[in-house]
Amino acid sequence: VRDGIDQLTSRASTPEVAEAMIREMAWYDAYLDKGRVDRSANTTPGNKKGGLSNIVEKAMGSIVKSGSSPISGVISPGEKLTQKGLIYAATPASDFICGTLQLAAGMNLHVFTTGRGTPYGLAEVPVIKVATRADLARRWHDLMDINAGTIATGEKTIADVGWEMFQLMLDVASGRRKTWAEHWKLHNALVLFNPAPVT
């Protein structure tokens, strides 16, 4: 979200939270600079095929998915979550590293949106996969847990899908239901930062 950090700092609940976001972003920029990483390479071939032309568009998509609630805190990579509310977790964009670091912070349920499909999954916590395209949800009906593409097709409203997602989150968190990834045991390895910086 580096290229849209101002969109997030304006939602900070206190000036200290905004400063912490900027501080985390500065640390991450220094980490990437030290490894001479080309941040523009972050958009993957799949991102580009799906319509994203640059890293700024990808950042804006991430920011939009965070909603509009005030951001009440910031955690560094691997730091334990200690407060309630919408928390900014400073992690790389890589699904695998981001998920591992959120797990280390104390995440116990992950809702993961995808428009193109992904092999991402964690053995340690349930990952609810939300397809943003109806054709993906139909094609991967036994891998996607929620079909949010029905919003774009007009079959359901945002509220309908939101309630469906909320109920599924409660059911999965309580152990009443398994995600497809849990059912099929589709999990990737835990991935941490390494000396070669990753965007």
Protein backbone atom coordinates (compact mmCIF):
# COMPACT_ATOMS: atom_id res chain seq x y z
CA VAL A 1 0.00 0.00 0.00
CA ARG A 2 3.09 2.21 -0.14
CA ASP A 3 1.81 4.24 -3.06
CA GLY A 4 -1.44 5.09 -1.29
CA ILE A 5 -0.29 5.42 2.31
CA ASP A 6 -1.88 8.88 2.53
CA GLN A 7 -5.27 7.19 2.00
CA LEU A 8 -4.63 5.14 5.14
CA THR A 9 -2.98 7.74 7.37
CA SER A 10 -6.05 9.96 6.91
CA ARG A 11 -8.08 7.18 8.58
CA ALA A 12 -5.73 6.83 11.58
CA SER A 13 -7.57 7.14 14.90
CA THR A 14 -4.71 9.21 16.38
CA PRO A 15 -1.68 11.10 15.08
CA GLU A 16 0.51 8.41 16.71
CA VAL A 17 -1.15 5.69 14.60
CA ALA A 18 -0.52 7.73 11.43
CA GLU A 19 3.13 8.23 12.43
CA ALA A 20 3.51 4.50 13.09
CA MET A 21 2.20 3.68 9.59
CA ILE A 22 4.67 6.11 8.03
CA ARG A 23 7.50 4.71 10.19
CA GLU A 24 6.72 1.13 9.10
CA MET A 25 6.60 2.18 5.45
CA ALA A 26 9.96 3.96 5.80
CA TRP A 27 11.48 0.80 7.32
CA TYR A 28 10.11 -1.29 4.46
CA ASP A 29 11.40 1.17 1.83
CA ALA A 30 14.87 0.98 3.42
CA TYR A 31 14.66 -2.83 3.44
CA LEU A 32 13.83 -2.88 -0.28
CA ASP A 33 16.45 -0.24 -1.14
CA LYS A 34 19.14 -2.22 0.70
CA GLY A 35 18.40 -5.21 -1.52
CA ARG A 36 18.06 -3.03 -4.65
CA VAL A 37 14.55 -4.36 -5.25
CA ASP A 38 12.54 -2.98 -8.16
CA ARG A 39 9.17 -2.31 -6.51
CA SER A 40 7.49 -1.92 -9.89
CA ALA A 41 8.07 -5.65 -10.45
CA ASN A 42 5.50 -6.42 -7.73
CA THR A 43 2.58 -6.64 -10.10
CA THR A 44 2.63 -10.26 -11.21
CA PRO A 45 1.88 -11.53 -14.71
CA GLY A 46 -1.50 -12.64 -13.34
CA ASN A 47 -2.17 -9.14 -11.95
CA LYS A 48 -1.38 -7.65 -15.34
CA LYS A 49 -3.49 -10.17 -17.22
CA GLY A 50 -6.33 -9.34 -14.84
CA GLY A 51 -6.12 -5.65 -15.75
CA LEU A 52 -3.67 -4.06 -13.30
CA SER A 53 -1.11 -1.93 -15.09
CA ASN A 54 1.11 -0.84 -12.18
CA ILE A 55 1.87 -1.07 -8.47
CA VAL A 56 -0.20 2.04 -7.65
CA GLU A 57 -3.37 0.36 -8.91
CA LYS A 58 -2.53 -2.73 -6.86
CA ALA A 59 -2.03 -0.56 -3.77
CA MET A 60 -5.37 1.17 -4.29
CA GLY A 61 -7.11 -2.20 -4.57
CA SER A 62 -5.65 -3.28 -1.23
CA ILE A 63 -6.71 -0.03 0.40
CA VAL A 64 -10.28 -0.24 -0.92
CA LYS A 65 -10.59 -3.78 0.50
CA SER A 66 -9.81 -2.41 3.98
CA GLY A 67 -13.13 -0.56 4.08
CA SER A 68 -13.62 2.83 5.69
CA SER A 69 -13.30 2.20 9.45
CA PRO A 70 -10.75 4.16 11.46
CA ILE A 71 -7.39 2.42 11.79
CA SER A 72 -6.80 1.95 15.51
CA GLY A 73 -3.29 0.52 15.58
CA VAL A 74 -0.18 -0.66 13.73
CA ILE A 75 1.83 -3.85 14.19
CA SER A 76 5.30 -4.56 12.83
CA PRO A 77 6.12 -7.83 11.04
CA GLY A 78 5.64 -10.68 13.50
CA GLU A 79 4.54 -8.42 16.36
CA LYS A 80 1.70 -9.82 18.50
CA LEU A 81 -1.73 -8.26 18.20
CA THR A 82 -2.73 -6.62 21.51
CA GLN A 83 -5.62 -4.31 20.64
CA LYS A 84 -9.05 -4.39 19.04
CA GLY A 85 -10.32 -2.66 15.93
CA LEU A 86 -8.94 -2.36 12.41
CA ILE A 87 -5.19 -2.86 12.71
CA TYR A 88 -2.63 -2.05 10.00
CA ALA A 89 -0.27 -5.03 9.75
CA ALA A 90 2.99 -3.98 8.11
CA THR A 91 3.87 -6.93 5.87
CA PRO A 92 5.08 -7.45 2.30
CA ALA A 93 2.42 -7.90 -0.37
CA SER A 94 3.47 -11.51 -1.07
CA ASP A 95 0.52 -13.73 -0.07
CA PHE A 96 2.77 -16.31 1.50
CA ILE A 97 4.92 -13.94 3.59
CA CYS A 98 1.98 -11.72 4.52
CA GLY A 99 -0.08 -14.69 5.71
CA THR A 100 2.81 -16.12 7.73
CA LEU A 101 3.43 -12.78 9.47
CA GLN A 102 -0.27 -12.28 10.18
CA LEU A 103 -0.34 -15.78 11.67
CA ALA A 104 2.64 -14.84 13.87
CA ALA A 105 0.68 -11.76 15.00
CA GLY A 106 -2.15 -13.96 16.26
CA MET A 107 -4.55 -14.21 13.33
CA ASN A 108 -6.90 -17.17 13.81
CA LEU A 109 -9.04 -16.87 10.67
CA HIS A 110 -8.07 -15.50 7.27
CA VAL A 111 -10.48 -14.17 4.64
CA PHE A 112 -8.62 -14.06 1.33
CA THR A 113 -10.04 -12.45 -1.81
CA THR A 114 -8.90 -13.56 -5.26
CA GLY A 115 -9.95 -12.70 -8.76
CA ARG A 116 -7.70 -15.17 -10.55
CA GLY A 117 -7.36 -18.01 -8.06
CA THR A 118 -4.41 -18.77 -5.83
CA PRO A 119 -2.68 -21.78 -4.29
CA TYR A 120 -2.40 -19.86 -0.99
CA GLY A 121 -3.52 -21.62 2.19
CA LEU A 122 -2.28 -22.12 5.75
CA ALA A 123 -2.42 -25.36 7.73
CA GLU A 124 -2.35 -23.43 11.02
CA VAL A 125 -5.51 -21.34 10.48
CA PRO A 126 -8.55 -21.64 8.21
CA VAL A 127 -8.37 -19.57 5.02
CA ILE A 128 -11.77 -18.58 3.60
CA LYS A 129 -11.28 -17.95 -0.11
CA VAL A 130 -13.56 -15.36 -1.69
CA ALA A 131 -13.81 -15.41 -5.49
CA THR A 132 -14.41 -11.92 -6.84
CA ARG A 133 -15.47 -13.30 -10.22
CA ALA A 134 -18.48 -15.59 -10.72
CA ASP A 135 -16.76 -17.59 -13.48
CA LEU A 136 -13.84 -18.38 -11.15
CA ALA A 137 -16.24 -19.47 -8.40
CA ARG A 138 -18.09 -21.75 -10.82
CA ARG A 139 -14.90 -23.22 -12.29
CA TRP A 140 -13.32 -23.75 -8.85
CA HIS A 141 -16.55 -24.54 -7.00
CA ASP A 142 -14.69 -26.96 -4.74
CA LEU A 143 -11.91 -24.48 -3.89
CA MET A 144 -13.69 -21.13 -3.44
CA ASP A 145 -15.76 -20.70 -0.28
CA ILE A 146 -17.68 -17.55 -1.26
CA ASN A 147 -18.79 -16.35 -4.70
CA ALA A 148 -18.62 -12.55 -4.44
CA GLY A 149 -18.80 -12.37 -8.24
CA THR A 150 -22.57 -12.51 -7.82
CA ILE A 151 -22.41 -8.83 -6.85
CA ALA A 152 -21.09 -7.89 -10.30
CA THR A 153 -23.59 -10.15 -12.06
CA GLY A 154 -26.46 -8.58 -10.11
CA GLU A 155 -27.54 -11.88 -8.56
CA LYS A 156 -26.79 -10.64 -5.03
CA THR A 157 -26.17 -7.34 -3.28
CA ILE A 158 -23.04 -6.38 -1.35
CA ALA A 159 -25.10 -6.80 1.83
CA ASP A 160 -26.21 -10.31 0.78
CA VAL A 161 -22.63 -11.46 0.19
CA GLY A 162 -21.45 -9.65 3.31
CA TRP A 163 -23.94 -11.53 5.48
CA GLU A 164 -23.04 -14.82 3.78
CA MET A 165 -19.37 -14.14 4.50
CA PHE A 166 -20.07 -13.13 8.10
CA GLN A 167 -22.07 -16.31 8.74
CA LEU A 168 -19.35 -18.46 7.15
CA MET A 169 -16.71 -16.76 9.31
CA LEU A 170 -18.74 -17.59 12.44
CA ASP A 171 -19.29 -21.18 11.29
CA VAL A 172 -15.62 -21.75 10.43
CA ALA A 173 -14.31 -20.03 13.57
CA SER A 174 -16.63 -22.13 15.76
CA GLY A 175 -15.65 -25.38 14.03
CA ARG A 176 -19.11 -26.02 12.55
CA ARG A 177 -17.76 -25.87 8.99
CA LYS A 178 -14.46 -26.39 7.21
CA THR A 179 -13.13 -24.29 4.38
CA TRP A 180 -12.41 -26.03 1.09
CA ALA A 181 -8.67 -25.60 1.74
CA GLU A 182 -9.10 -27.41 5.07
CA HIS A 183 -11.23 -30.10 3.46
CA TRP A 184 -8.67 -30.83 0.73
CA LYS A 185 -5.66 -30.09 3.00
CA LEU A 186 -4.31 -27.51 0.54
CA HIS A 187 -1.61 -25.65 2.44
CA ASN A 188 1.61 -23.89 1.59
CA ALA A 189 4.73 -23.69 3.72
CA LEU A 190 5.25 -20.83 6.14
CA VAL A 191 7.45 -18.17 4.53
CA LEU A 192 9.39 -15.48 6.39
CA PHE A 193 11.52 -12.53 5.38
CA ASN A 194 14.91 -13.49 4.07
CA PRO A 195 18.14 -11.59 3.33
CA ALA A 196 17.01 -11.09 -0.29
CA PRO A 197 14.16 -8.55 0.00
CA VAL A 198 10.75 -9.52 -1.35
CA THR A 199 8.05 -7.05 -2.39
